[in-house]
Amino acid sequence: MIKATVFDLDDTLYNSTELSTHARRSAIRAMIALGLPATFDEAYQVLSEVVKEYGSNYNYHFDQMLKRLNVESSKMKLFIAAGMIAYHDVKFASMRPFHDVIPTFIELRKSEIKICVLSDGDAIKQYEKILRLRLQDFLDDIIISEEVGIRKPNPKLFELPLQRFKIKPQEAIYIGDNYERDIVPCKRLGIWTVLIHRGGKHDQPSFSDKETAPDYELSNLKDLISIIKELNQ
């Protein structure tokens, strides 16, 4: 009997990969307009390297990019400010849940099934995303790695929704887009798993280990409702 759903946030409930790409491109253009001594391609390549090295939730991508481009320290704060304005203008103006999220959440609420978001990253950033996506009223709980001191793929992070809802692993189903960081630890705990294919940076079409392969794979979140009905028969 499924009593709770647990959702990843980025690239599961909204298109994080696409938005971040557009926002970073806009940020670089804004810096170049103020005199950044680099071409767009040069700056974007360096920024991409920084993001890959430090992760997408690092707070100082632009600082590191400018240092690697040998930008004068007296101009760094001006460029960073311009980049941040452009980045947030693009990202948050375009931030919307995937089309299938709200209808699915409505059905889950009707069925009295708990809804939790479990996400890695900076707590303020992740809360801001949830508020901008207007998801907060649907959620029974929000778990963010920074607040609890545990990061994916540590199984202890995925045990927290079970503890808070006072349910067994087989009474929960986890939905995420990252096989290694979302699906594998949940499978090892005995939580039902759904790998959702959104075309993001972590999308993975095949799995070598059958024991940790997802129980279900979806491209439309609405299909989750029929899966839960099947499991609850």
C-alpha atoms as a PDB file:
ATOM      1  CA  MET A   1       0.000   0.000   0.000  1.00  0.00           C
ATOM      2  CA  ILE A   2       1.596   3.240  -1.151  1.00  0.00           C
ATOM      3  CA  LYS A   3       1.131   5.944   1.468  1.00  0.00           C
ATOM      4  CA  ALA A   4       3.711   8.505   0.350  1.00  0.00           C
ATOM      5  CA  THR A   5       5.407   9.821  -2.763  1.00  0.00           C
ATOM      6  CA  VAL A   6       8.859  11.369  -2.620  1.00  0.00           C
ATOM      7  CA  PHE A   7      10.035  13.570  -5.485  1.00  0.00           C
ATOM      8  CA  ASP A   8      13.385  14.877  -6.584  1.00  0.00           C
ATOM      9  CA  LEU A   9      13.180  18.551  -7.614  1.00  0.00           C
ATOM     10  CA  ASP A  10      15.618  19.578 -10.357  1.00  0.00           C
ATOM     11  CA  ASP A  11      14.849  18.053 -13.775  1.00  0.00           C
ATOM     12  CA  THR A  12      12.042  16.039 -12.202  1.00  0.00           C
ATOM     13  CA  LEU A  13       9.458  18.709 -11.411  1.00  0.00           C
ATOM     14  CA  TYR A  14      10.813  21.445 -13.696  1.00  0.00           C
ATOM     15  CA  ASN A  15      13.356  21.734 -16.515  1.00  0.00           C
ATOM     16  CA  SER A  16      16.468  22.676 -14.572  1.00  0.00           C
ATOM     17  CA  THR A  17      18.986  21.765 -17.290  1.00  0.00           C
ATOM     18  CA  GLU A  18      17.398  23.892 -20.000  1.00  0.00           C
ATOM     19  CA  LEU A  19      16.761  26.870 -17.740  1.00  0.00           C
ATOM     20  CA  SER A  20      20.276  26.862 -16.311  1.00  0.00           C
ATOM     21  CA  THR A  21      21.823  26.717 -19.784  1.00  0.00           C
ATOM     22  CA  HIS A  22      19.794  29.686 -21.052  1.00  0.00           C
ATOM     23  CA  ALA A  23      20.410  31.647 -17.846  1.00  0.00           C
ATOM     24  CA  ARG A  24      24.188  31.119 -17.916  1.00  0.00           C
ATOM     25  CA  ARG A  25      24.342  32.157 -21.560  1.00  0.00           C
ATOM     26  CA  SER A  26      22.404  35.319 -20.745  1.00  0.00           C
ATOM     27  CA  ALA A  27      24.741  36.068 -17.828  1.00  0.00           C
ATOM     28  CA  ILE A  28      27.830  35.855 -20.046  1.00  0.00           C
ATOM     29  CA  ARG A  29      26.278  38.155 -22.642  1.00  0.00           C
ATOM     30  CA  ALA A  30      25.517  40.697 -19.910  1.00  0.00           C
ATOM     31  CA  MET A  31      29.143  40.605 -18.730  1.00  0.00           C
ATOM     32  CA  ILE A  32      30.469  40.987 -22.264  1.00  0.00           C
ATOM     33  CA  ALA A  33      28.206  44.012 -22.765  1.00  0.00           C
ATOM     34  CA  LEU A  34      29.993  45.642 -19.812  1.00  0.00           C
ATOM     35  CA  GLY A  35      33.436  44.905 -21.228  1.00  0.00           C
ATOM     36  CA  LEU A  36      34.337  41.353 -20.167  1.00  0.00           C
ATOM     37  CA  PRO A  37      37.659  40.708 -21.972  1.00  0.00           C
ATOM     38  CA  ALA A  38      36.657  37.388 -23.514  1.00  0.00           C
ATOM     39  CA  THR A  39      34.568  36.040 -26.358  1.00  0.00           C
ATOM     40  CA  PHE A  40      31.273  34.338 -25.618  1.00  0.00           C
ATOM     41  CA  ASP A  41      32.674  30.921 -26.520  1.00  0.00           C
ATOM     42  CA  GLU A  42      35.744  31.385 -24.311  1.00  0.00           C
ATOM     43  CA  ALA A  43      33.710  32.480 -21.298  1.00  0.00           C
ATOM     44  CA  TYR A  44      31.042  29.814 -21.748  1.00  0.00           C
ATOM     45  CA  GLN A  45      33.635  27.045 -21.994  1.00  0.00           C
ATOM     46  CA  VAL A  46      35.325  28.194 -18.774  1.00  0.00           C
ATOM     47  CA  LEU A  47      31.983  28.543 -16.986  1.00  0.00           C
ATOM     48  CA  SER A  48      30.978  25.049 -18.096  1.00  0.00           C
ATOM     49  CA  GLU A  49      34.225  23.675 -16.682  1.00  0.00           C
ATOM     50  CA  VAL A  50      33.578  25.429 -13.363  1.00  0.00           C
ATOM     51  CA  VAL A  51      30.022  24.055 -13.154  1.00  0.00           C
ATOM     52  CA  LYS A  52      31.252  20.541 -13.925  1.00  0.00           C
ATOM     53  CA  GLU A  53      34.034  20.805 -11.339  1.00  0.00           C
ATOM     54  CA  TYR A  54      32.045  22.354  -8.480  1.00  0.00           C
ATOM     55  CA  GLY A  55      28.493  21.180  -9.230  1.00  0.00           C
ATOM     56  CA  SER A  56      25.414  23.099 -10.297  1.00  0.00           C
ATOM     57  CA  ASN A  57      24.496  24.313  -6.794  1.00  0.00           C
ATOM     58  CA  TYR A  58      27.854  25.981  -6.085  1.00  0.00           C
ATOM     59  CA  ASN A  59      27.424  29.669  -5.188  1.00  0.00           C
ATOM     60  CA  TYR A  60      30.543  31.091  -6.849  1.00  0.00           C
ATOM     61  CA  HIS A  61      30.493  29.934 -10.466  1.00  0.00           C
ATOM     62  CA  PHE A  62      30.968  33.423 -11.873  1.00  0.00           C
ATOM     63  CA  ASP A  63      33.757  34.271  -9.395  1.00  0.00           C
ATOM     64  CA  GLN A  64      35.702  31.195 -10.447  1.00  0.00           C
ATOM     65  CA  MET A  65      35.074  31.844 -14.131  1.00  0.00           C
ATOM     66  CA  LEU A  66      36.376  35.415 -13.914  1.00  0.00           C
ATOM     67  CA  LYS A  67      39.472  34.346 -11.981  1.00  0.00           C
ATOM     68  CA  ARG A  68      40.287  31.754 -14.636  1.00  0.00           C
ATOM     69  CA  LEU A  69      39.814  34.416 -17.326  1.00  0.00           C
ATOM     70  CA  ASN A  70      42.316  36.625 -15.432  1.00  0.00           C
ATOM     71  CA  VAL A  71      39.848  39.478 -15.053  1.00  0.00           C
ATOM     72  CA  GLU A  72      41.087  42.455 -13.020  1.00  0.00           C
ATOM     73  CA  SER A  73      39.902  42.207  -9.410  1.00  0.00           C
ATOM     74  CA  SER A  74      38.617  45.800  -9.497  1.00  0.00           C
ATOM     75  CA  LYS A  75      36.048  44.840 -12.150  1.00  0.00           C
ATOM     76  CA  MET A  76      35.000  41.409 -10.880  1.00  0.00           C
ATOM     77  CA  LYS A  77      32.129  42.541  -8.659  1.00  0.00           C
ATOM     78  CA  LEU A  78      30.613  44.638 -11.460  1.00  0.00           C
ATOM     79  CA  PHE A  79      30.699  41.689 -13.863  1.00  0.00           C
ATOM     80  CA  ILE A  80      29.325  39.306 -11.227  1.00  0.00           C
ATOM     81  CA  ALA A  81      26.445  41.682 -10.435  1.00  0.00           C
ATOM     82  CA  ALA A  82      25.558  42.001 -14.119  1.00  0.00           C
ATOM     83  CA  GLY A  83      25.742  38.249 -14.564  1.00  0.00           C
ATOM     84  CA  MET A  84      23.573  37.536 -11.530  1.00  0.00           C
ATOM     85  CA  ILE A  85      20.873  39.969 -12.666  1.00  0.00           C
ATOM     86  CA  ALA A  86      20.746  38.457 -16.153  1.00  0.00           C
ATOM     87  CA  TYR A  87      20.890  34.911 -14.787  1.00  0.00           C
ATOM     88  CA  HIS A  88      17.969  35.357 -12.395  1.00  0.00           C
ATOM     89  CA  ASP A  89      15.910  37.431 -14.846  1.00  0.00           C
ATOM     90  CA  VAL A  90      15.999  34.605 -17.388  1.00  0.00           C
ATOM     91  CA  LYS A  91      15.786  31.647 -15.026  1.00  0.00           C
ATOM     92  CA  PHE A  92      12.981  32.787 -12.810  1.00  0.00           C
ATOM     93  CA  ALA A  93      10.924  34.483 -15.547  1.00  0.00           C
ATOM     94  CA  SER A  94      10.808  31.126 -17.340  1.00  0.00           C
ATOM     95  CA  MET A  95      10.553  28.775 -14.357  1.00  0.00           C
ATOM     96  CA  ARG A  96       7.437  26.637 -14.587  1.00  0.00           C
ATOM     97  CA  PRO A  97       6.600  23.110 -13.433  1.00  0.00           C
ATOM     98  CA  PHE A  98       6.492  20.476 -16.139  1.00  0.00           C
ATOM     99  CA  HIS A  99       2.942  20.311 -17.537  1.00  0.00           C
ATOM    100  CA  ASP A 100       2.196  16.991 -15.820  1.00  0.00           C
ATOM    101  CA  VAL A 101       3.211  18.000 -12.276  1.00  0.00           C
ATOM    102  CA  ILE A 102       0.220  19.946 -10.943  1.00  0.00           C
ATOM    103  CA  PRO A 103      -2.430  17.518 -12.304  1.00  0.00           C
ATOM    104  CA  THR A 104      -0.519  14.622 -10.720  1.00  0.00           C
ATOM    105  CA  PHE A 105      -0.208  16.413  -7.385  1.00  0.00           C
ATOM    106  CA  ILE A 106      -3.937  17.164  -7.411  1.00  0.00           C
ATOM    107  CA  GLU A 107      -4.732  13.463  -7.923  1.00  0.00           C
ATOM    108  CA  LEU A 108      -2.336  12.454  -5.151  1.00  0.00           C
ATOM    109  CA  ARG A 109      -3.977  14.880  -2.748  1.00  0.00           C
ATOM    110  CA  LYS A 110      -7.406  13.501  -3.646  1.00  0.00           C
ATOM    111  CA  SER A 111      -6.133  10.033  -2.795  1.00  0.00           C
ATOM    112  CA  GLU A 112      -4.706  11.301   0.528  1.00  0.00           C
ATOM    113  CA  ILE A 113      -1.219  10.172  -0.444  1.00  0.00           C
ATOM    114  CA  LYS A 114       1.574  12.190   1.148  1.00  0.00           C
ATOM    115  CA  ILE A 115       3.839  14.287  -1.074  1.00  0.00           C
ATOM    116  CA  CYS A 116       7.433  15.093  -0.160  1.00  0.00           C
ATOM    117  CA  VAL A 117      10.199  16.851  -2.092  1.00  0.00           C
ATOM    118  CA  LEU A 118      13.713  15.598  -1.326  1.00  0.00           C
ATOM    119  CA  SER A 119      16.522  17.594  -2.890  1.00  0.00           C
ATOM    120  CA  ASP A 120      20.252  18.192  -2.715  1.00  0.00           C
ATOM    121  CA  GLY A 121      21.628  21.700  -2.627  1.00  0.00           C
ATOM    122  CA  ASP A 122      21.554  25.052  -0.898  1.00  0.00           C
ATOM    123  CA  ALA A 123      18.404  25.280   1.222  1.00  0.00           C
ATOM    124  CA  ILE A 124      17.483  28.866   0.342  1.00  0.00           C
ATOM    125  CA  LYS A 125      17.925  28.192  -3.388  1.00  0.00           C
ATOM    126  CA  GLN A 126      15.802  25.051  -3.261  1.00  0.00           C
ATOM    127  CA  TYR A 127      13.052  26.699  -1.183  1.00  0.00           C
ATOM    128  CA  GLU A 128      13.035  29.607  -3.613  1.00  0.00           C
ATOM    129  CA  LYS A 129      12.519  27.212  -6.511  1.00  0.00           C
ATOM    130  CA  ILE A 130       9.619  25.499  -4.739  1.00  0.00           C
ATOM    131  CA  LEU A 131       7.963  28.851  -4.021  1.00  0.00           C
ATOM    132  CA  ARG A 132       8.475  30.142  -7.560  1.00  0.00           C
ATOM    133  CA  LEU A 133       7.039  26.910  -8.926  1.00  0.00           C
ATOM    134  CA  ARG A 134       4.100  27.376  -6.508  1.00  0.00           C
ATOM    135  CA  LEU A 135       4.320  23.835  -5.234  1.00  0.00           C
ATOM    136  CA  GLN A 136       4.411  24.545  -1.500  1.00  0.00           C
ATOM    137  CA  ASP A 137       0.680  24.118  -0.879  1.00  0.00           C
ATOM    138  CA  PHE A 138       0.772  20.571  -2.264  1.00  0.00           C
ATOM    139  CA  LEU A 139       3.656  19.381  -0.090  1.00  0.00           C
ATOM    140  CA  ASP A 140       3.466  17.562   3.222  1.00  0.00           C
ATOM    141  CA  ASP A 141       7.214  17.763   3.757  1.00  0.00           C
ATOM    142  CA  ILE A 142      10.380  19.216   2.219  1.00  0.00           C
ATOM    143  CA  ILE A 143      13.793  17.669   2.882  1.00  0.00           C
ATOM    144  CA  ILE A 144      16.900  19.495   1.673  1.00  0.00           C
ATOM    145  CA  SER A 145      20.346  18.000   2.095  1.00  0.00           C
ATOM    146  CA  GLU A 146      21.972  21.156   3.475  1.00  0.00           C
ATOM    147  CA  GLU A 147      19.503  21.314   6.348  1.00  0.00           C
ATOM    148  CA  VAL A 148      19.903  17.689   7.425  1.00  0.00           C
ATOM    149  CA  GLY A 149      23.630  17.336   6.748  1.00  0.00           C
ATOM    150  CA  ILE A 150      23.270  14.341   4.417  1.00  0.00           C
ATOM    151  CA  ARG A 151      23.637  14.330   0.632  1.00  0.00           C
ATOM    152  CA  LYS A 152      22.546  11.979  -2.117  1.00  0.00           C
ATOM    153  CA  PRO A 153      23.258   9.133  -2.690  1.00  0.00           C
ATOM    154  CA  ASN A 154      23.588   8.426   1.051  1.00  0.00           C
ATOM    155  CA  PRO A 155      20.717   6.029   1.894  1.00  0.00           C
ATOM    156  CA  LYS A 156      20.222   7.779   5.246  1.00  0.00           C
ATOM    157  CA  LEU A 157      18.805  10.786   3.383  1.00  0.00           C
ATOM    158  CA  PHE A 158      16.121   8.600   1.807  1.00  0.00           C
ATOM    159  CA  GLU A 159      15.240   7.082   5.158  1.00  0.00           C
ATOM    160  CA  LEU A 160      14.108  10.480   6.452  1.00  0.00           C
ATOM    161  CA  PRO A 161      10.715  10.565   4.647  1.00  0.00           C
ATOM    162  CA  LEU A 162      10.011   7.071   5.986  1.00  0.00           C
ATOM    163  CA  GLN A 163      10.770   8.208   9.516  1.00  0.00           C
ATOM    164  CA  ARG A 164       8.797  11.425   9.258  1.00  0.00           C
ATOM    165  CA  PHE A 165       5.723   9.782   7.737  1.00  0.00           C
ATOM    166  CA  LYS A 166       6.147   6.702   9.974  1.00  0.00           C
ATOM    167  CA  ILE A 167       5.902   4.288   7.072  1.00  0.00           C
ATOM    168  CA  LYS A 168       7.769   1.229   5.791  1.00  0.00           C
ATOM    169  CA  PRO A 169       9.998   1.342   2.675  1.00  0.00           C
ATOM    170  CA  GLN A 170       7.450  -0.591   0.600  1.00  0.00           C
ATOM    171  CA  GLU A 171       4.822   2.042   1.452  1.00  0.00           C
ATOM    172  CA  ALA A 172       6.770   4.777  -0.337  1.00  0.00           C
ATOM    173  CA  ILE A 173       7.576   5.435  -3.974  1.00  0.00           C
ATOM    174  CA  TYR A 174      10.412   7.703  -5.085  1.00  0.00           C
ATOM    175  CA  ILE A 175      10.416   9.633  -8.368  1.00  0.00           C
ATOM    176  CA  GLY A 176      13.636  11.070  -9.743  1.00  0.00           C
ATOM    177  CA  ASP A 177      15.672  11.614 -12.902  1.00  0.00           C
ATOM    178  CA  ASN A 178      19.132  10.540 -11.681  1.00  0.00           C
ATOM    179  CA  TYR A 179      19.719   6.792 -11.688  1.00  0.00           C
ATOM    180  CA  GLU A 180      22.883   6.735  -9.567  1.00  0.00           C
ATOM    181  CA  ARG A 181      21.877   9.341  -6.985  1.00  0.00           C
ATOM    182  CA  ASP A 182      18.114   8.745  -6.793  1.00  0.00           C
ATOM    183  CA  ILE A 183      17.206   5.229  -7.864  1.00  0.00           C
ATOM    184  CA  VAL A 184      20.093   3.077  -6.594  1.00  0.00           C
ATOM    185  CA  PRO A 185      19.932   4.111  -2.909  1.00  0.00           C
ATOM    186  CA  CYS A 186      16.138   3.783  -2.850  1.00  0.00           C
ATOM    187  CA  LYS A 187      16.255   0.335  -4.400  1.00  0.00           C
ATOM    188  CA  ARG A 188      18.712  -0.796  -1.741  1.00  0.00           C
ATOM    189  CA  LEU A 189      16.325   0.404   0.967  1.00  0.00           C
ATOM    190  CA  GLY A 190      13.342  -1.376  -0.563  1.00  0.00           C
ATOM    191  CA  ILE A 191      11.542   1.787  -1.655  1.00  0.00           C
ATOM    192  CA  TRP A 192       9.597   1.579  -4.907  1.00  0.00           C
ATOM    193  CA  THR A 193      11.337   3.597  -7.633  1.00  0.00           C
ATOM    194  CA  VAL A 194      10.329   5.519 -10.728  1.00  0.00           C
ATOM    195  CA  LEU A 195      12.965   6.906 -13.080  1.00  0.00           C
ATOM    196  CA  ILE A 196      11.448   9.768 -15.021  1.00  0.00           C
ATOM    197  CA  HIS A 197      12.943  10.693 -18.392  1.00  0.00           C
ATOM    198  CA  ARG A 198      12.910  14.467 -18.861  1.00  0.00           C
ATOM    199  CA  GLY A 199      15.846  14.730 -21.275  1.00  0.00           C
ATOM    200  CA  GLY A 200      18.020  16.395 -18.634  1.00  0.00           C
ATOM    201  CA  LYS A 201      21.745  16.056 -18.017  1.00  0.00           C
ATOM    202  CA  HIS A 202      21.338  12.892 -15.923  1.00  0.00           C
ATOM    203  CA  ASP A 203      18.954  11.029 -18.230  1.00  0.00           C
ATOM    204  CA  GLN A 204      20.064   7.409 -18.585  1.00  0.00           C
ATOM    205  CA  PRO A 205      18.354   4.950 -20.953  1.00  0.00           C
ATOM    206  CA  SER A 206      19.901   1.653 -19.834  1.00  0.00           C
ATOM    207  CA  PHE A 207      21.153  -0.090 -16.684  1.00  0.00           C
ATOM    208  CA  SER A 208      23.798  -2.782 -16.269  1.00  0.00           C
ATOM    209  CA  ASP A 209      22.757  -3.892 -12.775  1.00  0.00           C
ATOM    210  CA  LYS A 210      19.313  -5.502 -12.801  1.00  0.00           C
ATOM    211  CA  GLU A 211      19.123  -5.458  -9.000  1.00  0.00           C
ATOM    212  CA  THR A 212      19.218  -1.660  -8.905  1.00  0.00           C
ATOM    213  CA  ALA A 213      17.283  -0.998 -12.110  1.00  0.00           C
ATOM    214  CA  PRO A 214      14.224   1.216 -11.545  1.00  0.00           C
ATOM    215  CA  ASP A 215      10.922  -0.520 -10.899  1.00  0.00           C
ATOM    216  CA  TYR A 216       9.243   1.793 -13.394  1.00  0.00           C
ATOM    217  CA  GLU A 217      10.282   4.271 -16.073  1.00  0.00           C
ATOM    218  CA  LEU A 218       8.086   7.157 -17.196  1.00  0.00           C
ATOM    219  CA  SER A 219       8.187  10.169 -19.471  1.00  0.00           C
ATOM    220  CA  ASN A 220       4.829  11.520 -18.282  1.00  0.00           C
ATOM    221  CA  LEU A 221       4.303  11.941 -14.553  1.00  0.00           C
ATOM    222  CA  LYS A 222       0.542  11.438 -14.897  1.00  0.00           C
ATOM    223  CA  ASP A 223       1.239   7.728 -15.394  1.00  0.00           C
ATOM    224  CA  LEU A 224       2.365   7.609 -11.772  1.00  0.00           C
ATOM    225  CA  ILE A 225      -1.287   7.536 -10.684  1.00  0.00           C
ATOM    226  CA  SER A 226      -1.967   4.258 -12.507  1.00  0.00           C
ATOM    227  CA  ILE A 227       1.227   2.757 -11.063  1.00  0.00           C
ATOM    228  CA  ILE A 228       0.115   3.598  -7.529  1.00  0.00           C
ATOM    229  CA  LYS A 229      -3.356   2.193  -8.190  1.00  0.00           C
ATOM    230  CA  GLU A 230      -1.756  -1.027  -9.441  1.00  0.00           C
ATOM    231  CA  LEU A 231       0.473  -1.310  -6.370  1.00  0.00           C
ATOM    232  CA  ASN A 232      -2.442  -0.587  -4.047  1.00  0.00           C
ATOM    233  CA  GLN A 233      -4.714  -3.305  -5.421  1.00  0.00           C
END
